[in-house]
Amino acid sequence: MKTRLIAAMALLLSFSTSVFAADLNRLLSVKGMSCEACPVQVERELRKLRGVNAAQVDLKSGQARVVTDERVKTGELVRAIKNAGFEAKAESNR
């Protein structure tokens, strides 16, 4: 009984870690933000995309850090930022 429980927990753990292992950290440069409301609008547009798990935009650095699953294309992120009214360019994918 105890062995089955341990095996079941190990299997469950392997599934949960494999989901997070596929996440990608994306860094984008955002141009045109001028006030505190701008990053909020960019984050809102990014979070509307299916597969975006987190988005954080910094006004001072002009950067958006986005955590996505592997299905999200960089072009989708750039288009979302453009929909918010700003210019964007991909800096890196990790």
N, C-alpha and C. Protein backbone atom coordinates (compact mmCIF):
# COMPACT_ATOMS: atom_id res chain seq x y z
N MET A 1 0.82 -1.19 0.00
CA MET A 1 0.00 0.00 0.00
C MET A 1 0.87 1.25 0.00
N LYS A 2 1.86 1.29 0.86
CA LYS A 2 2.75 2.43 0.96
C LYS A 2 3.55 2.61 -0.33
N THR A 3 3.96 1.51 -0.93
CA THR A 3 4.72 1.55 -2.18
C THR A 3 3.87 2.13 -3.31
N ARG A 4 2.60 1.75 -3.36
CA ARG A 4 1.70 2.28 -4.39
C ARG A 4 1.49 3.78 -4.22
N LEU A 5 1.37 4.21 -3.00
CA LEU A 5 1.20 5.63 -2.72
C LEU A 5 2.43 6.42 -3.17
N ILE A 6 3.60 5.92 -2.86
CA ILE A 6 4.84 6.59 -3.28
C ILE A 6 4.95 6.62 -4.80
N ALA A 7 4.61 5.52 -5.45
CA ALA A 7 4.66 5.46 -6.91
C ALA A 7 3.68 6.46 -7.53
N ALA A 8 2.49 6.53 -6.95
CA ALA A 8 1.49 7.47 -7.46
C ALA A 8 1.94 8.91 -7.28
N MET A 9 2.54 9.22 -6.16
CA MET A 9 3.03 10.58 -5.91
C MET A 9 4.16 10.92 -6.86
N ALA A 10 5.05 9.97 -7.12
CA ALA A 10 6.16 10.20 -8.05
C ALA A 10 5.64 10.46 -9.46
N LEU A 11 4.63 9.70 -9.87
CA LEU A 11 4.05 9.90 -11.19
C LEU A 11 3.39 11.26 -11.30
N LEU A 12 2.65 11.65 -10.29
CA LEU A 12 2.00 12.95 -10.27
C LEU A 12 3.03 14.08 -10.32
N LEU A 13 4.09 13.95 -9.58
CA LEU A 13 5.15 14.95 -9.57
C LEU A 13 5.81 15.06 -10.94
N SER A 14 6.03 13.95 -11.61
CA SER A 14 6.67 14.00 -12.93
C SER A 14 5.79 14.72 -13.94
N PHE A 15 4.46 14.55 -13.85
CA PHE A 15 3.56 15.27 -14.74
C PHE A 15 3.57 16.76 -14.47
N SER A 16 3.55 17.16 -13.22
CA SER A 16 3.48 18.58 -12.89
C SER A 16 4.77 19.30 -13.27
N THR A 17 5.92 18.68 -13.11
CA THR A 17 7.17 19.36 -13.47
C THR A 17 7.35 19.43 -14.97
N SER A 18 6.83 18.46 -15.72
CA SER A 18 6.97 18.50 -17.17
C SER A 18 6.17 19.65 -17.77
N VAL A 19 5.07 20.03 -17.15
CA VAL A 19 4.27 21.15 -17.63
C VAL A 19 5.07 22.44 -17.52
N PHE A 20 5.73 22.65 -16.39
CA PHE A 20 6.48 23.89 -16.18
C PHE A 20 7.79 23.90 -16.94
N ALA A 21 8.34 22.76 -17.26
CA ALA A 21 9.62 22.70 -17.96
C ALA A 21 9.52 23.29 -19.36
N ALA A 22 8.34 23.30 -19.95
CA ALA A 22 8.17 23.80 -21.31
C ALA A 22 7.95 25.31 -21.36
N ASP A 23 7.82 25.97 -20.23
CA ASP A 23 7.61 27.42 -20.22
C ASP A 23 8.85 28.14 -20.74
N LEU A 24 8.59 29.23 -21.45
CA LEU A 24 9.66 30.05 -22.00
C LEU A 24 9.61 31.43 -21.37
N ASN A 25 10.76 31.98 -21.07
CA ASN A 25 10.87 33.36 -20.58
C ASN A 25 11.22 34.24 -21.78
N ARG A 26 10.38 35.21 -22.04
CA ARG A 26 10.60 36.09 -23.19
C ARG A 26 10.87 37.50 -22.69
N LEU A 27 11.78 38.19 -23.36
CA LEU A 27 12.09 39.57 -23.04
C LEU A 27 11.86 40.39 -24.30
N LEU A 28 11.02 41.41 -24.16
CA LEU A 28 10.72 42.28 -25.30
C LEU A 28 10.99 43.73 -24.93
N SER A 29 11.43 44.48 -25.91
CA SER A 29 11.63 45.91 -25.75
C SER A 29 10.34 46.61 -26.18
N VAL A 30 9.86 47.51 -25.33
CA VAL A 30 8.61 48.23 -25.61
C VAL A 30 8.91 49.72 -25.71
N LYS A 31 8.56 50.32 -26.83
CA LYS A 31 8.81 51.75 -27.07
C LYS A 31 7.50 52.53 -27.04
N GLY A 32 7.57 53.75 -26.51
CA GLY A 32 6.42 54.65 -26.55
C GLY A 32 5.67 54.79 -25.24
N MET A 33 6.09 54.07 -24.21
CA MET A 33 5.40 54.19 -22.91
C MET A 33 5.85 55.48 -22.23
N SER A 34 4.88 56.25 -21.71
CA SER A 34 5.22 57.54 -21.12
C SER A 34 4.64 57.79 -19.73
N CYS A 35 3.75 56.92 -19.26
CA CYS A 35 3.14 57.13 -17.94
C CYS A 35 2.90 55.79 -17.26
N GLU A 36 2.48 55.85 -16.01
CA GLU A 36 2.27 54.63 -15.21
C GLU A 36 1.16 53.73 -15.77
N ALA A 37 0.24 54.29 -16.53
CA ALA A 37 -0.86 53.49 -17.09
C ALA A 37 -0.41 52.65 -18.29
N CYS A 38 0.67 53.05 -18.93
CA CYS A 38 1.13 52.35 -20.13
C CYS A 38 1.51 50.89 -19.87
N PRO A 39 2.36 50.60 -18.88
CA PRO A 39 2.70 49.19 -18.63
C PRO A 39 1.49 48.34 -18.27
N VAL A 40 0.54 48.93 -17.57
CA VAL A 40 -0.68 48.21 -17.18
C VAL A 40 -1.44 47.79 -18.44
N GLN A 41 -1.54 48.69 -19.41
CA GLN A 41 -2.24 48.37 -20.66
C GLN A 41 -1.51 47.29 -21.44
N VAL A 42 -0.18 47.36 -21.49
CA VAL A 42 0.59 46.34 -22.20
C VAL A 42 0.41 44.98 -21.53
N GLU A 43 0.51 44.93 -20.21
CA GLU A 43 0.32 43.67 -19.48
C GLU A 43 -1.06 43.10 -19.75
N ARG A 44 -2.07 43.95 -19.76
CA ARG A 44 -3.45 43.50 -20.00
C ARG A 44 -3.56 42.83 -21.37
N GLU A 45 -2.99 43.46 -22.39
CA GLU A 45 -3.06 42.89 -23.74
C GLU A 45 -2.29 41.58 -23.84
N LEU A 46 -1.13 41.51 -23.20
CA LEU A 46 -0.35 40.27 -23.24
C LEU A 46 -1.08 39.13 -22.54
N ARG A 47 -1.70 39.42 -21.43
CA ARG A 47 -2.39 38.37 -20.65
C ARG A 47 -3.65 37.86 -21.35
N LYS A 48 -4.14 38.58 -22.33
CA LYS A 48 -5.30 38.11 -23.09
C LYS A 48 -4.93 36.91 -23.98
N LEU A 49 -3.66 36.78 -24.30
CA LEU A 49 -3.22 35.71 -25.20
C LEU A 49 -3.25 34.36 -24.51
N ARG A 50 -3.78 33.38 -25.20
CA ARG A 50 -3.78 32.01 -24.69
C ARG A 50 -2.32 31.53 -24.65
N GLY A 51 -1.91 30.99 -23.52
CA GLY A 51 -0.55 30.49 -23.37
C GLY A 51 0.39 31.43 -22.65
N VAL A 52 -0.07 32.65 -22.38
CA VAL A 52 0.74 33.58 -21.59
C VAL A 52 0.43 33.31 -20.12
N ASN A 53 1.45 32.92 -19.37
CA ASN A 53 1.28 32.57 -17.97
C ASN A 53 1.55 33.74 -17.04
N ALA A 54 2.39 34.67 -17.46
CA ALA A 54 2.71 35.85 -16.65
C ALA A 54 3.27 36.93 -17.56
N ALA A 55 3.02 38.19 -17.18
CA ALA A 55 3.57 39.33 -17.92
C ALA A 55 3.87 40.44 -16.93
N GLN A 56 5.07 40.98 -17.04
CA GLN A 56 5.48 42.10 -16.19
C GLN A 56 6.19 43.12 -17.07
N VAL A 57 5.70 44.35 -17.05
CA VAL A 57 6.24 45.40 -17.90
C VAL A 57 6.78 46.51 -17.02
N ASP A 58 8.00 46.95 -17.32
CA ASP A 58 8.66 47.99 -16.54
C ASP A 58 8.75 49.27 -17.37
N LEU A 59 8.16 50.32 -16.87
CA LEU A 59 8.16 51.61 -17.57
C LEU A 59 9.57 52.17 -17.73
N LYS A 60 10.34 52.15 -16.66
CA LYS A 60 11.67 52.76 -16.67
C LYS A 60 12.62 52.08 -17.67
N SER A 61 12.65 50.75 -17.66
CA SER A 61 13.57 50.03 -18.57
C SER A 61 12.98 49.86 -19.96
N GLY A 62 11.66 49.98 -20.07
CA GLY A 62 11.01 49.77 -21.36
C GLY A 62 11.02 48.31 -21.78
N GLN A 63 10.99 47.41 -20.80
CA GLN A 63 11.04 45.99 -21.10
C GLN A 63 9.80 45.27 -20.59
N ALA A 64 9.42 44.26 -21.36
CA ALA A 64 8.33 43.36 -20.95
C ALA A 64 8.93 41.98 -20.77
N ARG A 65 8.71 41.41 -19.60
CA ARG A 65 9.12 40.03 -19.32
C ARG A 65 7.86 39.19 -19.33
N VAL A 66 7.85 38.19 -20.20
CA VAL A 66 6.64 37.38 -20.40
C VAL A 66 7.01 35.90 -20.30
N VAL A 67 6.23 35.18 -19.50
CA VAL A 67 6.39 33.73 -19.39
C VAL A 67 5.26 33.10 -20.18
N THR A 68 5.64 32.28 -21.18
CA THR A 68 4.65 31.66 -22.05
C THR A 68 4.91 30.16 -22.15
N ASP A 69 3.90 29.45 -22.65
CA ASP A 69 4.19 28.07 -23.01
C ASP A 69 4.81 28.08 -24.40
N GLU A 70 5.31 26.94 -24.82
CA GLU A 70 6.09 26.89 -26.05
C GLU A 70 5.26 27.14 -27.32
N ARG A 71 3.96 27.10 -27.23
CA ARG A 71 3.11 27.32 -28.40
C ARG A 71 3.00 28.78 -28.80
N VAL A 72 3.28 29.70 -27.90
CA VAL A 72 3.14 31.12 -28.18
C VAL A 72 4.33 31.60 -29.01
N LYS A 73 4.02 32.20 -30.13
CA LYS A 73 5.05 32.73 -31.03
C LYS A 73 5.39 34.17 -30.62
N THR A 74 6.63 34.54 -30.83
CA THR A 74 7.08 35.89 -30.49
C THR A 74 6.26 36.95 -31.22
N GLY A 75 5.91 36.67 -32.46
CA GLY A 75 5.11 37.61 -33.24
C GLY A 75 3.76 37.90 -32.61
N GLU A 76 3.18 36.92 -31.93
CA GLU A 76 1.91 37.13 -31.24
C GLU A 76 2.07 38.14 -30.10
N LEU A 77 3.19 38.04 -29.39
CA LEU A 77 3.46 38.97 -28.29
C LEU A 77 3.66 40.38 -28.83
N VAL A 78 4.41 40.49 -29.92
CA VAL A 78 4.65 41.80 -30.53
C VAL A 78 3.34 42.42 -31.00
N ARG A 79 2.46 41.61 -31.62
CA ARG A 79 1.16 42.12 -32.08
C ARG A 79 0.29 42.58 -30.91
N ALA A 80 0.33 41.84 -29.82
CA ALA A 80 -0.46 42.23 -28.64
C ALA A 80 0.00 43.59 -28.11
N ILE A 81 1.31 43.79 -28.08
CA ILE A 81 1.84 45.08 -27.61
C ILE A 81 1.45 46.19 -28.59
N LYS A 82 1.49 45.90 -29.88
CA LYS A 82 1.06 46.90 -30.87
C LYS A 82 -0.43 47.21 -30.71
N ASN A 83 -1.23 46.20 -30.36
CA ASN A 83 -2.66 46.43 -30.11
C ASN A 83 -2.88 47.37 -28.93
N ALA A 84 -1.93 47.36 -28.00
CA ALA A 84 -2.00 48.26 -26.85
C ALA A 84 -1.56 49.68 -27.22
N GLY A 85 -1.01 49.84 -28.42
CA GLY A 85 -0.63 51.17 -28.89
C GLY A 85 0.85 51.48 -28.81
N PHE A 86 1.69 50.44 -28.70
CA PHE A 86 3.14 50.65 -28.54
C PHE A 86 3.92 49.81 -29.54
N GLU A 87 5.17 50.18 -29.74
CA GLU A 87 6.06 49.41 -30.61
C GLU A 87 6.79 48.38 -29.76
N ALA A 88 7.10 47.22 -30.35
CA ALA A 88 7.78 46.16 -29.59
C ALA A 88 8.76 45.42 -30.48
N LYS A 89 9.77 44.88 -29.84
CA LYS A 89 10.79 44.08 -30.52
C LYS A 89 11.27 43.02 -29.55
N ALA A 90 11.42 41.79 -30.05
CA ALA A 90 11.89 40.70 -29.21
C ALA A 90 13.36 40.88 -28.87
N GLU A 91 13.71 40.73 -27.60
CA GLU A 91 15.09 40.82 -27.15
C GLU A 91 15.70 39.44 -26.98
N SER A 92 14.95 38.52 -26.32
CA SER A 92 15.49 37.18 -26.10
C SER A 92 14.39 36.19 -25.77
N ASN A 93 14.72 34.92 -25.95
CA ASN A 93 13.87 33.79 -25.55
C ASN A 93 14.76 32.85 -24.77
N ARG A 94 14.29 32.43 -23.59
CA ARG A 94 15.07 31.48 -22.80
C ARG A 94 14.17 30.37 -22.34
